[in-house]
N, C-alpha and C. Protein backbone atom coordinates (compact mmCIF):
# COMPACT_ATOMS: atom_id res chain seq x y z
N MET A 1 -32.40 -5.50 -27.30
CA MET A 1 -31.16 -4.53 -27.24
C MET A 1 -30.13 -6.01 -26.79
N MET A 2 -29.08 -6.50 -27.05
CA MET A 2 -28.71 -7.26 -26.85
C MET A 2 -27.57 -6.28 -26.08
N GLU A 3 -26.94 -6.87 -24.50
CA GLU A 3 -26.56 -5.93 -23.69
C GLU A 3 -24.95 -6.32 -24.06
N LEU A 4 -24.14 -4.83 -23.90
CA LEU A 4 -23.22 -5.21 -24.69
C LEU A 4 -21.98 -5.54 -23.28
N ALA A 5 -20.34 -5.87 -24.01
CA ALA A 5 -19.74 -6.97 -22.77
C ALA A 5 -19.21 -5.65 -22.52
N PRO A 6 -18.95 -5.63 -21.26
CA PRO A 6 -17.67 -4.74 -20.44
C PRO A 6 -17.13 -3.51 -21.49
N ARG A 7 -16.13 -3.98 -22.53
CA ARG A 7 -15.12 -3.26 -22.45
C ARG A 7 -16.36 -3.04 -23.81
N GLU A 8 -17.05 -3.30 -24.14
CA GLU A 8 -17.75 -2.61 -25.49
C GLU A 8 -18.37 -0.91 -24.71
N LYS A 9 -18.94 -1.73 -23.77
CA LYS A 9 -20.38 -0.52 -22.92
C LYS A 9 -18.40 0.80 -22.73
N LEU A 10 -17.39 0.68 -21.92
CA LEU A 10 -16.49 1.23 -21.55
C LEU A 10 -15.64 1.71 -22.60
N ALA A 11 -15.59 1.67 -24.15
CA ALA A 11 -15.70 1.90 -25.33
C ALA A 11 -16.95 3.17 -25.49
N LEU A 12 -17.89 2.41 -25.52
CA LEU A 12 -18.86 3.32 -25.91
C LEU A 12 -19.47 4.46 -25.28
N LYS A 13 -19.56 4.23 -23.47
CA LYS A 13 -20.00 5.06 -22.64
C LYS A 13 -18.58 5.49 -21.71
N GLY A 14 -17.83 4.54 -22.02
CA GLY A 14 -17.15 5.61 -20.41
C GLY A 14 -16.69 4.46 -19.13
N ALA A 15 -15.91 4.95 -18.75
CA ALA A 15 -15.89 3.43 -17.29
C ALA A 15 -16.48 4.40 -17.15
N GLU A 16 -17.19 5.17 -16.28
CA GLU A 16 -17.66 5.73 -14.98
C GLU A 16 -19.08 4.81 -15.38
N ALA A 17 -19.87 4.19 -16.79
CA ALA A 17 -20.42 3.41 -16.82
C ALA A 17 -21.11 2.00 -15.99
N LEU A 18 -20.05 2.30 -15.86
CA LEU A 18 -19.75 0.51 -15.45
C LEU A 18 -20.00 -0.11 -14.02
N ASN A 19 -20.62 -1.09 -14.11
CA ASN A 19 -21.06 -1.22 -12.21
C ASN A 19 -19.71 -1.88 -12.21
N ASP A 20 -19.25 -2.14 -10.57
CA ASP A 20 -18.21 -2.92 -9.67
C ASP A 20 -18.14 -4.61 -10.45
N GLU A 21 -19.19 -5.31 -11.24
CA GLU A 21 -19.09 -6.59 -11.11
C GLU A 21 -18.56 -6.25 -12.45
N GLU A 22 -18.93 -5.23 -13.25
CA GLU A 22 -18.44 -5.20 -14.83
C GLU A 22 -16.97 -4.77 -14.69
N LEU A 23 -16.40 -3.84 -14.06
CA LEU A 23 -15.13 -3.36 -14.31
C LEU A 23 -13.92 -4.73 -13.59
N LEU A 24 -14.78 -5.50 -12.44
CA LEU A 24 -13.86 -6.48 -12.31
C LEU A 24 -13.93 -7.33 -13.81
N ALA A 25 -14.53 -7.31 -13.68
CA ALA A 25 -14.98 -8.64 -15.09
C ALA A 25 -13.47 -8.51 -16.43
N ILE A 26 -13.66 -6.78 -16.70
CA ILE A 26 -12.36 -6.26 -17.33
C ILE A 26 -10.82 -6.57 -16.66
N PHE A 27 -11.10 -6.46 -15.23
CA PHE A 27 -9.71 -7.24 -14.43
C PHE A 27 -9.40 -8.58 -14.78
N LEU A 28 -10.52 -9.14 -15.07
CA LEU A 28 -10.20 -10.52 -15.01
C LEU A 28 -10.00 -11.03 -15.72
N ARG A 29 -10.60 -10.62 -17.16
CA ARG A 29 -10.33 -10.62 -18.26
C ARG A 29 -11.19 -12.34 -19.03
N THR A 30 -10.49 -13.08 -18.54
CA THR A 30 -11.39 -14.30 -19.10
C THR A 30 -12.28 -14.71 -17.15
N GLY A 31 -12.80 -16.06 -18.00
CA GLY A 31 -13.85 -16.66 -17.00
C GLY A 31 -12.50 -18.07 -16.27
N SER A 32 -13.19 -18.98 -16.04
CA SER A 32 -12.67 -20.18 -15.81
C SER A 32 -13.12 -21.17 -15.79
N CYS A 33 -12.95 -22.37 -16.25
CA CYS A 33 -13.51 -23.77 -16.02
C CYS A 33 -15.44 -23.98 -15.88
N GLY A 34 -15.57 -23.37 -17.27
CA GLY A 34 -17.04 -23.06 -17.56
C GLY A 34 -17.63 -22.54 -17.14
N VAL A 35 -17.14 -21.50 -16.35
CA VAL A 35 -17.74 -20.40 -15.52
C VAL A 35 -17.48 -18.57 -16.48
N SER A 36 -18.65 -18.23 -16.66
CA SER A 36 -17.90 -17.04 -17.82
C SER A 36 -17.89 -15.64 -17.02
N VAL A 37 -16.94 -15.43 -17.35
CA VAL A 37 -15.93 -14.04 -16.54
C VAL A 37 -16.50 -12.87 -16.18
N MET A 38 -17.95 -12.80 -16.65
CA MET A 38 -19.11 -12.02 -15.77
C MET A 38 -19.76 -13.11 -14.38
N VAL A 39 -20.02 -14.25 -14.39
CA VAL A 39 -20.07 -15.29 -13.73
C VAL A 39 -19.33 -14.84 -12.13
N LEU A 40 -18.04 -15.17 -13.01
CA LEU A 40 -16.72 -15.26 -11.87
C LEU A 40 -16.61 -13.47 -11.22
N ALA A 41 -16.86 -12.49 -11.73
CA ALA A 41 -17.17 -11.22 -10.73
C ALA A 41 -17.72 -11.48 -10.03
N ARG A 42 -18.81 -11.40 -10.25
CA ARG A 42 -20.16 -11.83 -9.65
C ARG A 42 -19.72 -12.81 -8.61
N GLN A 43 -19.57 -14.50 -8.56
CA GLN A 43 -19.15 -14.57 -7.58
C GLN A 43 -18.30 -14.17 -6.06
N MET A 44 -16.88 -13.79 -6.93
CA MET A 44 -15.92 -12.56 -5.73
C MET A 44 -16.48 -11.67 -5.18
N LEU A 45 -17.73 -11.24 -6.22
CA LEU A 45 -18.52 -9.51 -5.30
C LEU A 45 -18.61 -10.62 -4.40
N ASN A 46 -19.75 -11.18 -4.39
CA ASN A 46 -20.69 -11.98 -3.25
C ASN A 46 -19.99 -12.95 -2.32
N GLU A 47 -18.56 -12.49 -2.59
CA GLU A 47 -18.00 -13.23 -1.63
C GLU A 47 -16.77 -12.35 -0.34
N PHE A 48 -16.50 -11.25 -1.43
CA PHE A 48 -15.46 -10.51 -0.40
C PHE A 48 -16.89 -9.22 0.66
N GLY A 49 -17.86 -9.05 -0.66
CA GLY A 49 -18.66 -8.40 -0.24
C GLY A 49 -19.21 -6.98 -1.18
N SER A 50 -17.49 -6.47 -1.57
CA SER A 50 -17.09 -5.29 -2.22
C SER A 50 -15.75 -5.35 -2.92
N LEU A 51 -15.76 -4.55 -4.33
CA LEU A 51 -14.64 -4.81 -5.05
C LEU A 51 -13.61 -3.92 -4.16
N TYR A 52 -13.90 -3.08 -3.45
CA TYR A 52 -12.59 -2.54 -2.53
C TYR A 52 -12.11 -3.97 -1.84
N ARG A 53 -13.03 -4.47 -0.60
CA ARG A 53 -12.36 -6.01 0.15
C ARG A 53 -11.98 -6.46 -1.05
N ILE A 54 -11.81 -6.50 -2.17
CA ILE A 54 -11.11 -8.09 -3.18
C ILE A 54 -10.21 -7.43 -3.55
N MET A 55 -9.74 -5.60 -3.68
CA MET A 55 -8.61 -4.63 -4.09
C MET A 55 -7.19 -5.13 -3.11
N SER A 56 -8.09 -5.03 -1.45
CA SER A 56 -7.35 -5.10 -0.78
C SER A 56 -6.79 -6.07 0.00
N SER A 57 -7.52 -7.82 -0.74
CA SER A 57 -6.97 -8.63 0.08
C SER A 57 -5.69 -9.64 -0.07
N SER A 58 -5.10 -10.45 0.34
CA SER A 58 -4.54 -11.17 0.60
C SER A 58 -4.05 -11.73 -0.81
N LYS A 59 -2.61 -12.03 -1.39
CA LYS A 59 -2.58 -13.70 -1.68
C LYS A 59 -3.64 -14.52 -1.90
N GLU A 60 -2.91 -15.17 -0.24
CA GLU A 60 -4.18 -16.40 -0.07
C GLU A 60 -5.62 -16.06 -0.22
N GLU A 61 -6.16 -14.89 0.27
CA GLU A 61 -7.47 -14.73 0.21
C GLU A 61 -8.25 -14.89 -1.45
N LEU A 62 -7.42 -14.65 -2.25
CA LEU A 62 -7.76 -14.63 -3.49
C LEU A 62 -7.72 -15.79 -4.03
N VAL A 63 -6.44 -16.20 -4.20
CA VAL A 63 -6.64 -17.89 -4.57
C VAL A 63 -7.51 -18.76 -4.09
N SER A 64 -7.64 -18.28 -3.06
CA SER A 64 -8.88 -19.47 -2.35
C SER A 64 -10.10 -19.26 -3.10
N ILE A 65 -10.46 -18.85 -3.67
CA ILE A 65 -11.87 -18.47 -4.20
C ILE A 65 -11.46 -19.08 -5.57
N LYS A 66 -12.75 -20.27 -6.48
CA LYS A 66 -12.40 -21.41 -6.83
C LYS A 66 -12.54 -20.30 -8.18
N GLY A 67 -11.61 -20.55 -9.21
CA GLY A 67 -11.63 -20.00 -10.74
C GLY A 67 -10.23 -18.48 -10.26
N VAL A 68 -9.73 -18.53 -9.34
CA VAL A 68 -8.90 -17.47 -9.23
C VAL A 68 -7.46 -17.80 -8.69
N GLY A 69 -6.60 -18.38 -9.49
CA GLY A 69 -5.43 -18.34 -9.80
C GLY A 69 -4.64 -17.74 -9.93
N VAL A 70 -2.82 -18.02 -9.85
CA VAL A 70 -1.78 -16.99 -9.97
C VAL A 70 -2.02 -16.13 -10.74
N ALA A 71 -3.01 -16.04 -11.64
CA ALA A 71 -2.62 -14.99 -12.87
C ALA A 71 -3.31 -14.09 -12.26
N LYS A 72 -4.93 -14.64 -12.30
CA LYS A 72 -5.78 -13.07 -11.81
C LYS A 72 -5.37 -13.16 -10.72
N MET A 73 -5.14 -13.51 -9.91
CA MET A 73 -3.92 -13.06 -8.22
C MET A 73 -3.36 -12.18 -8.79
N THR A 74 -2.09 -12.55 -9.68
CA THR A 74 -1.59 -11.55 -9.76
C THR A 74 -2.14 -10.01 -10.70
N GLN A 75 -2.79 -9.56 -11.67
CA GLN A 75 -4.10 -8.87 -12.46
C GLN A 75 -4.36 -8.49 -10.72
N ILE A 76 -5.25 -8.82 -10.40
CA ILE A 76 -5.48 -8.23 -9.78
C ILE A 76 -4.88 -6.94 -8.48
N GLN A 77 -3.85 -8.01 -7.85
CA GLN A 77 -2.97 -7.43 -7.30
C GLN A 77 -1.86 -6.05 -7.47
N ALA A 78 -1.90 -6.42 -9.38
CA ALA A 78 -0.77 -4.97 -9.59
C ALA A 78 -1.71 -3.89 -10.34
N VAL A 79 -3.26 -4.23 -10.13
CA VAL A 79 -3.98 -3.11 -10.20
C VAL A 79 -3.82 -2.62 -9.06
N ALA A 80 -4.28 -2.89 -7.75
CA ALA A 80 -4.49 -2.51 -6.46
C ALA A 80 -3.23 -1.81 -6.46
N GLU A 81 -1.72 -1.89 -6.69
CA GLU A 81 -0.68 -1.74 -6.38
C GLU A 81 -0.70 0.19 -7.60
N LEU A 82 -1.53 -0.15 -8.45
CA LEU A 82 -1.18 0.97 -9.45
C LEU A 82 -2.21 1.65 -9.16
N GLY A 83 -3.55 1.82 -8.44
CA GLY A 83 -3.78 2.75 -7.85
C GLY A 83 -3.42 3.38 -6.46
N ARG A 84 -2.64 2.32 -5.82
CA ARG A 84 -1.50 2.97 -4.89
C ARG A 84 -0.21 4.12 -4.97
N ARG A 85 0.04 3.67 -6.18
CA ARG A 85 0.72 4.81 -7.20
C ARG A 85 0.68 6.02 -7.41
N PHE A 86 -1.33 5.70 -7.89
CA PHE A 86 -1.62 7.28 -8.57
C PHE A 86 -1.60 8.03 -7.45
N PHE A 87 -2.11 7.90 -6.44
CA PHE A 87 -2.33 8.50 -5.05
C PHE A 87 -1.27 8.79 -4.86
N ALA A 88 0.34 7.91 -4.63
CA ALA A 88 1.32 8.55 -4.05
C ALA A 88 1.93 9.41 -5.01
N SER A 89 1.83 9.48 -6.63
CA SER A 89 2.25 10.63 -7.17
C SER A 89 0.92 11.76 -6.98
N GLN A 90 -0.30 11.66 -6.89
CA GLN A 90 -0.87 13.35 -6.38
C GLN A 90 -0.93 13.82 -5.68
N LEU A 91 -0.13 12.98 -4.56
CA LEU A 91 -0.37 13.42 -2.86
C LEU A 91 1.64 14.31 -3.25
N ALA A 92 2.19 13.51 -3.60
CA ALA A 92 3.56 14.50 -3.98
C ALA A 92 3.56 16.02 -4.51
N ARG A 93 2.68 15.86 -5.13
CA ARG A 93 2.03 17.04 -6.02
C ARG A 93 1.14 18.21 -5.84
N GLU A 94 0.24 17.70 -4.46
CA GLU A 94 -0.46 18.53 -3.76
C GLU A 94 -0.27 18.97 -2.48
N ASN A 95 -1.31 20.63 -2.19
CA ASN A 95 -0.87 21.32 -0.98
C ASN A 95 -2.21 20.01 -0.50
N VAL A 96 -1.81 19.43 0.57
CA VAL A 96 -2.40 18.62 1.26
C VAL A 96 -3.60 18.90 2.43
N MET A 97 -3.07 20.35 2.80
CA MET A 97 -4.57 21.19 3.25
C MET A 97 -5.61 21.72 2.28
N GLU A 98 -5.46 21.99 0.94
CA GLU A 98 -5.98 22.17 0.43
C GLU A 98 -6.89 21.21 -0.47
N ASN A 99 -6.83 20.25 -0.32
CA ASN A 99 -6.75 18.95 -1.50
C ASN A 99 -6.80 17.68 -0.21
N PRO A 100 -7.50 17.54 0.78
CA PRO A 100 -7.56 17.04 1.58
C PRO A 100 -7.92 15.63 1.30
N GLN A 101 -8.93 14.96 0.80
CA GLN A 101 -9.16 14.23 -0.75
C GLN A 101 -8.30 13.51 -0.76
N VAL A 102 -6.99 14.02 -1.52
CA VAL A 102 -6.05 13.26 -1.82
C VAL A 102 -5.19 12.56 -1.14
N THR A 103 -5.00 13.38 0.64
CA THR A 103 -4.52 12.94 1.05
C THR A 103 -5.05 11.29 1.71
N ARG A 104 -6.44 11.18 2.08
CA ARG A 104 -7.08 10.45 2.81
C ARG A 104 -6.95 9.04 1.62
N HIS A 105 -7.08 9.41 0.20
CA HIS A 105 -6.93 8.43 -0.88
C HIS A 105 -5.15 7.96 -0.46
N TYR A 106 -4.39 8.76 -0.32
CA TYR A 106 -3.31 8.10 -0.02
C TYR A 106 -2.94 7.13 0.98
N LEU A 107 -3.69 7.33 1.55
CA LEU A 107 -3.76 6.45 3.22
C LEU A 107 -4.69 5.67 3.69
N GLN A 108 -5.68 5.65 2.94
CA GLN A 108 -6.75 4.23 2.53
C GLN A 108 -5.69 3.47 1.61
N SER A 109 -5.24 3.99 0.93
CA SER A 109 -4.77 2.72 -0.44
C SER A 109 -3.43 1.86 0.69
N VAL A 110 -2.85 2.34 1.27
CA VAL A 110 -1.83 2.17 2.11
C VAL A 110 -1.72 1.44 3.31
N LEU A 111 -2.62 2.13 3.61
CA LEU A 111 -3.09 1.36 5.48
C LEU A 111 -4.25 1.04 4.78
N ALA A 112 -5.86 0.21 4.40
CA ALA A 112 -6.62 0.37 5.06
C ALA A 112 -6.56 -1.50 5.00
N HIS A 113 -5.86 -1.91 4.01
CA HIS A 113 -5.56 -3.61 3.86
C HIS A 113 -4.19 -4.23 4.75
N GLN A 114 -3.94 -3.61 5.60
CA GLN A 114 -2.72 -4.02 6.48
C GLN A 114 -3.39 -4.93 7.55
N GLU A 115 -3.36 -5.84 7.74
CA GLU A 115 -3.97 -6.82 8.89
C GLU A 115 -2.52 -6.75 10.19
N ARG A 116 -2.49 -5.86 10.45
CA ARG A 116 -1.60 -4.87 11.61
C ARG A 116 -1.77 -3.73 11.51
N GLU A 117 -1.52 -2.97 13.12
CA GLU A 117 -1.68 -1.62 12.50
C GLU A 117 -0.60 -0.92 12.39
N ILE A 118 -0.34 0.08 11.30
CA ILE A 118 0.76 0.90 11.37
C ILE A 118 0.21 1.81 11.80
N PHE A 119 1.43 2.50 11.93
CA PHE A 119 1.41 3.74 12.03
C PHE A 119 2.30 5.15 11.55
N MET A 120 1.30 5.54 10.62
CA MET A 120 2.37 6.61 9.89
C MET A 120 2.30 8.05 10.08
N ALA A 121 3.11 8.74 9.48
CA ALA A 121 3.38 10.71 9.40
C ALA A 121 4.03 10.64 7.96
N LEU A 122 2.90 11.97 7.68
CA LEU A 122 3.51 12.45 6.95
C LEU A 122 4.08 13.95 7.10
N PHE A 123 5.22 14.17 6.37
CA PHE A 123 6.23 14.76 7.03
C PHE A 123 5.94 16.51 6.14
N LEU A 124 5.80 17.72 6.55
CA LEU A 124 4.97 18.74 4.97
C LEU A 124 6.15 19.58 5.46
N ASP A 125 6.10 20.51 4.55
CA ASP A 125 6.73 21.96 4.76
C ASP A 125 5.95 22.89 5.00
N ASN A 126 6.98 24.31 5.03
CA ASN A 126 5.69 25.22 4.60
C ASN A 126 4.17 25.56 3.97
N GLN A 127 4.65 24.48 3.21
CA GLN A 127 3.39 24.97 1.94
C GLN A 127 2.37 24.17 2.29
N HIS A 128 2.67 23.16 2.86
CA HIS A 128 2.19 21.83 3.44
C HIS A 128 1.99 21.01 1.99
N HIS A 129 3.26 20.71 1.49
CA HIS A 129 3.30 19.75 0.39
C HIS A 129 4.41 18.49 1.17
N VAL A 130 4.25 17.82 0.63
CA VAL A 130 4.77 16.06 1.32
C VAL A 130 6.43 16.03 1.35
N LEU A 131 7.26 16.42 2.30
CA LEU A 131 8.67 16.06 1.72
C LEU A 131 8.99 14.51 2.12
N GLN A 132 8.07 13.92 2.88
CA GLN A 132 8.06 12.39 2.97
C GLN A 132 7.08 12.09 3.16
N ALA A 133 6.27 10.21 2.61
CA ALA A 133 5.22 9.83 3.47
C ALA A 133 6.26 8.86 4.14
N GLN A 134 5.95 8.49 5.82
CA GLN A 134 7.17 7.32 6.09
C GLN A 134 6.00 6.32 7.23
N LYS A 135 6.12 4.87 7.53
CA LYS A 135 5.86 4.25 8.17
C LYS A 135 6.60 4.05 9.42
N MET A 136 5.56 4.45 10.71
CA MET A 136 6.83 5.56 11.63
C MET A 136 6.95 3.69 12.66
N PHE A 137 6.29 3.05 12.75
CA PHE A 137 5.96 2.04 13.41
C PHE A 137 4.65 1.09 13.02
N SER A 138 5.28 -0.50 13.40
CA SER A 138 4.03 -1.03 13.17
C SER A 138 3.82 -2.06 14.20
N GLY A 139 2.28 -2.80 14.60
CA GLY A 139 2.20 -3.51 15.98
C GLY A 139 1.67 -4.87 15.45
N SER A 140 0.53 -4.56 16.45
CA SER A 140 -0.05 -6.22 16.34
C SER A 140 -1.88 -6.02 15.43
N ILE A 141 -2.20 -6.92 15.86
CA ILE A 141 -3.92 -6.46 15.23
C ILE A 141 -4.54 -6.00 16.07
N ASN A 142 -4.77 -5.11 17.21
CA ASN A 142 -5.08 -4.33 17.51
C ASN A 142 -4.33 -2.88 18.24
N SER A 143 -3.28 -2.98 18.12
CA SER A 143 -2.42 -2.32 18.65
C SER A 143 -0.79 -1.76 18.26
N VAL A 144 -0.59 -0.74 18.14
CA VAL A 144 1.11 -0.19 18.00
C VAL A 144 1.51 0.93 18.89
N GLU A 145 2.60 0.57 19.32
CA GLU A 145 3.40 1.41 20.48
C GLU A 145 4.48 2.51 19.83
N VAL A 146 3.64 3.37 20.05
CA VAL A 146 4.43 5.15 19.36
C VAL A 146 5.38 5.48 20.25
N HIS A 147 6.36 5.92 19.39
CA HIS A 147 7.24 7.41 20.34
C HIS A 147 7.16 8.22 19.66
N PRO A 148 7.00 9.40 20.63
CA PRO A 148 6.50 10.56 19.92
C PRO A 148 7.92 10.82 19.66
N ARG A 149 8.63 10.97 20.83
CA ARG A 149 9.68 11.69 20.32
C ARG A 149 10.69 11.27 18.90
N GLU A 150 10.33 10.29 18.22
CA GLU A 150 10.93 9.43 17.00
C GLU A 150 10.44 10.07 15.97
N ILE A 151 9.23 10.62 15.93
CA ILE A 151 8.13 11.23 15.14
C ILE A 151 9.29 12.55 14.89
N VAL A 152 9.30 13.16 16.52
CA VAL A 152 9.81 14.66 16.22
C VAL A 152 11.27 14.77 15.84
N ARG A 153 12.24 13.96 15.78
CA ARG A 153 13.40 13.75 15.20
C ARG A 153 13.53 13.14 13.53
N GLU A 154 12.32 12.62 13.49
CA GLU A 154 12.43 12.07 11.85
C GLU A 154 11.62 13.81 11.45
N ALA A 155 11.11 14.83 11.97
CA ALA A 155 10.44 15.99 11.49
C ALA A 155 11.82 16.63 11.56
N LEU A 156 12.53 17.04 12.67
CA LEU A 156 13.32 17.85 12.63
C LEU A 156 14.89 17.45 11.67
N LYS A 157 15.27 16.49 11.36
CA LYS A 157 15.70 16.11 10.24
C LYS A 157 15.50 15.70 8.92
N LEU A 158 14.07 16.18 8.93
CA LEU A 158 13.41 16.87 7.41
C LEU A 158 13.18 18.09 7.43
N ASN A 159 13.41 18.71 8.31
CA ASN A 159 13.24 20.42 8.34
C ASN A 159 11.73 20.80 8.34
N ALA A 160 10.64 19.43 8.42
CA ALA A 160 9.71 18.87 8.25
C ALA A 160 8.86 20.60 9.26
N ALA A 161 8.12 21.85 8.78
CA ALA A 161 6.93 22.51 9.26
C ALA A 161 6.19 21.93 9.87
N ALA A 162 5.47 20.82 9.89
CA ALA A 162 4.11 20.15 10.05
C ALA A 162 4.07 19.05 9.96
N VAL A 163 3.29 18.04 10.68
CA VAL A 163 2.94 16.81 10.38
C VAL A 163 1.99 16.45 10.67
N ILE A 164 1.33 14.83 9.76
CA ILE A 164 0.00 14.60 9.60
C ILE A 164 0.24 13.18 9.95
N LEU A 165 -0.52 12.75 10.89
CA LEU A 165 -0.16 11.13 11.51
C LEU A 165 -1.52 10.69 11.06
N ALA A 166 -1.13 9.08 11.23
CA ALA A 166 -2.51 8.31 10.05
C ALA A 166 -2.30 6.62 10.39
N HIS A 167 -3.33 6.03 11.38
CA HIS A 167 -2.64 4.97 11.47
C HIS A 167 -3.80 4.42 11.05
N ASN A 168 -3.93 2.89 10.90
CA ASN A 168 -5.83 1.94 10.61
C ASN A 168 -5.36 1.04 11.56
N HIS A 169 -6.76 0.65 11.67
CA HIS A 169 -7.75 -0.31 12.60
C HIS A 169 -7.61 -1.46 12.02
N PRO A 170 -7.47 -2.27 12.02
CA PRO A 170 -7.53 -4.10 10.92
C PRO A 170 -8.88 -4.57 11.60
N SER A 171 -9.55 -3.95 12.63
CA SER A 171 -11.00 -4.34 12.77
C SER A 171 -11.60 -3.60 11.50
N GLY A 172 -11.64 -2.58 10.78
CA GLY A 172 -12.27 -1.89 9.79
C GLY A 172 -13.27 -0.87 10.02
N VAL A 173 -13.08 -0.49 11.92
CA VAL A 173 -13.80 0.05 12.01
C VAL A 173 -12.85 1.22 12.70
N ALA A 174 -13.14 2.89 12.11
CA ALA A 174 -12.40 3.85 12.41
C ALA A 174 -12.74 4.73 13.34
N GLU A 175 -13.20 4.24 14.24
CA GLU A 175 -13.37 5.35 15.47
C GLU A 175 -12.42 5.00 16.24
N PRO A 176 -11.89 6.35 16.50
CA PRO A 176 -10.60 6.44 17.74
C PRO A 176 -10.69 5.94 19.21
N SER A 177 -10.25 5.06 19.29
CA SER A 177 -9.63 4.52 21.02
C SER A 177 -9.60 5.44 22.34
N ARG A 178 -9.79 5.12 22.95
CA ARG A 178 -8.69 6.50 23.51
C ARG A 178 -7.44 6.33 24.19
N ALA A 179 -6.53 5.20 23.88
CA ALA A 179 -5.20 5.40 23.48
C ALA A 179 -5.17 6.18 22.66
N ASP A 180 -5.41 5.97 21.28
CA ASP A 180 -5.54 6.74 20.56
C ASP A 180 -5.80 8.10 20.55
N ARG A 181 -6.43 8.67 21.02
CA ARG A 181 -6.39 10.00 21.66
C ARG A 181 -5.40 10.42 22.97
N GLU A 182 -5.20 9.24 23.59
CA GLU A 182 -3.58 9.83 24.48
C GLU A 182 -2.76 10.01 23.47
N ILE A 183 -1.90 9.15 22.83
CA ILE A 183 -0.79 9.00 22.16
C ILE A 183 -0.75 10.80 21.07
N THR A 184 -2.04 10.94 20.85
CA THR A 184 -2.25 12.01 19.48
C THR A 184 -1.53 13.37 20.55
N ASP A 185 -2.07 13.69 21.70
CA ASP A 185 -2.24 14.39 22.81
C ASP A 185 -1.39 14.61 23.21
N LYS A 186 0.40 13.82 22.90
CA LYS A 186 1.76 13.59 23.12
C LYS A 186 2.19 14.22 22.61
N ILE A 187 2.06 13.03 21.26
CA ILE A 187 2.57 13.97 19.83
C ILE A 187 2.36 14.95 20.03
N SER A 188 0.91 15.43 20.43
CA SER A 188 0.93 17.66 19.71
C SER A 188 1.75 17.88 19.98
N LYS A 189 1.81 17.35 21.62
CA LYS A 189 2.59 18.38 23.03
C LYS A 189 4.55 18.37 23.27
N ALA A 190 4.09 17.21 21.91
CA ALA A 190 6.08 17.07 21.65
C ALA A 190 6.83 17.76 20.36
N CYS A 191 5.41 17.70 19.77
CA CYS A 191 6.09 18.62 18.44
C CYS A 191 6.02 20.31 18.62
N SER A 192 4.86 20.17 19.48
CA SER A 192 4.67 21.67 19.76
C SER A 192 6.32 22.69 20.63
N LEU A 193 6.47 21.62 20.89
CA LEU A 193 7.70 22.80 21.36
C LEU A 193 9.08 22.43 20.52
N MET A 194 8.85 21.76 19.73
CA MET A 194 10.37 22.34 18.46
C MET A 194 9.64 23.25 17.75
N ASN A 195 8.39 23.61 17.98
CA ASN A 195 7.69 24.72 16.93
C ASN A 195 6.72 23.65 15.72
N ILE A 196 6.51 22.43 15.45
CA ILE A 196 6.20 21.25 14.44
C ILE A 196 4.59 21.40 14.83
N ARG A 197 3.97 21.87 13.90
CA ARG A 197 2.41 22.02 14.18
C ARG A 197 2.03 20.32 14.02
N LEU A 198 0.56 20.02 14.79
CA LEU A 198 0.42 18.55 14.30
C LEU A 198 -1.31 18.77 13.19
N LEU A 199 -1.23 18.78 12.14
CA LEU A 199 -1.86 19.04 11.46
C LEU A 199 -3.80 18.25 11.64
N ASP A 200 -3.42 17.11 11.60
CA ASP A 200 -4.06 16.20 11.84
C ASP A 200 -4.26 14.73 12.47
N HIS A 201 -5.03 13.83 12.55
CA HIS A 201 -4.45 12.52 12.87
C HIS A 201 -5.31 11.72 12.54
N LEU A 202 -5.66 10.78 11.24
CA LEU A 202 -6.22 10.25 10.68
C LEU A 202 -6.35 8.63 11.03
N VAL A 203 -7.37 7.93 11.23
CA VAL A 203 -7.83 6.73 11.37
C VAL A 203 -8.18 6.27 10.30
N ILE A 204 -7.57 5.02 9.58
CA ILE A 204 -8.02 4.53 9.20
C ILE A 204 -8.91 3.23 8.95
N GLY A 205 -10.45 3.02 8.32
CA GLY A 205 -10.53 1.74 8.59
C GLY A 205 -11.00 0.65 7.23
N HIS A 206 -12.19 0.68 6.84
CA HIS A 206 -12.50 -0.39 5.40
C HIS A 206 -13.78 0.55 4.74
N GLY A 207 -12.96 1.45 3.96
CA GLY A 207 -13.86 2.05 3.60
C GLY A 207 -14.68 3.61 4.11
N GLU A 208 -13.76 3.42 5.50
CA GLU A 208 -14.12 4.61 6.65
C GLU A 208 -12.84 5.24 6.79
N PHE A 209 -13.16 6.71 7.88
CA PHE A 209 -12.23 6.76 8.44
C PHE A 209 -12.72 8.02 9.37
N THR A 210 -11.97 8.42 10.23
CA THR A 210 -11.85 9.74 11.13
C THR A 210 -11.53 10.43 11.31
N SER A 211 -11.13 11.74 11.35
CA SER A 211 -10.43 12.85 11.11
C SER A 211 -9.75 13.49 12.66
N PHE A 212 -9.06 13.67 13.44
CA PHE A 212 -8.73 14.35 15.12
C PHE A 212 -9.13 15.95 14.42
N ALA A 213 -8.50 16.36 13.50
CA ALA A 213 -9.40 17.74 12.85
C ALA A 213 -10.59 18.25 13.08
N GLU A 214 -10.95 17.08 12.69
CA GLU A 214 -12.57 17.38 11.71
C GLU A 214 -13.55 17.04 13.50
N ARG A 215 -12.69 16.69 14.13
CA ARG A 215 -13.68 16.91 15.16
C ARG A 215 -13.45 17.36 16.33
N GLY A 216 -12.35 18.53 15.86
CA GLY A 216 -12.49 19.55 17.02
C GLY A 216 -11.45 18.73 17.86
N TRP A 217 -10.71 17.66 17.94
CA TRP A 217 -9.75 16.87 19.01
C TRP A 217 -7.89 17.81 19.19
N LEU A 218 -7.92 18.91 17.29
CA LEU A 218 -6.63 19.53 17.52
C LEU A 218 -7.10 20.86 17.90
């Protein structure tokens, strides 16, 4: 029996029936220079290691792959941005404590591909709905300077009742450092003085995360 092409397979069996190679082939649409789209998709997955890594790659990394020109690079980056906006729209409607997966997906979509450390804060109302998601500080490849007073000031300005912190580790490893724990403690104390609850601090890696709340550190 002849194997179905990715688009035909999706139409008959649904998107969940496709593997990563087949999904990527649909995004790429066509092959290049005598190479079929399925072969190109396979080559890209072998080069990057995962679909996640492809979708979070820079323009320069993508176009460095033979057969991936500007058109295919823009298609991939547009799909990645579409995913980020989808998670952002979900986050705006959810109680983040009742559905923590939405929060984690959103933060991973925003932070995991960053080449430098970015420190974010989600400011929440009394019902744990997001008032604002804000990138507060940016740093180098392995550190970021964080000022607790700026987080508290922004929370007061928004009349936020609670805060969730997040930052990425460009190394891809989501294990919190001692400095991460120390700054979280300082922020927690500063928030507490103003009756603002620090609900969690998420460290985002490549396809992984660590929750301070789940570790019992808050």
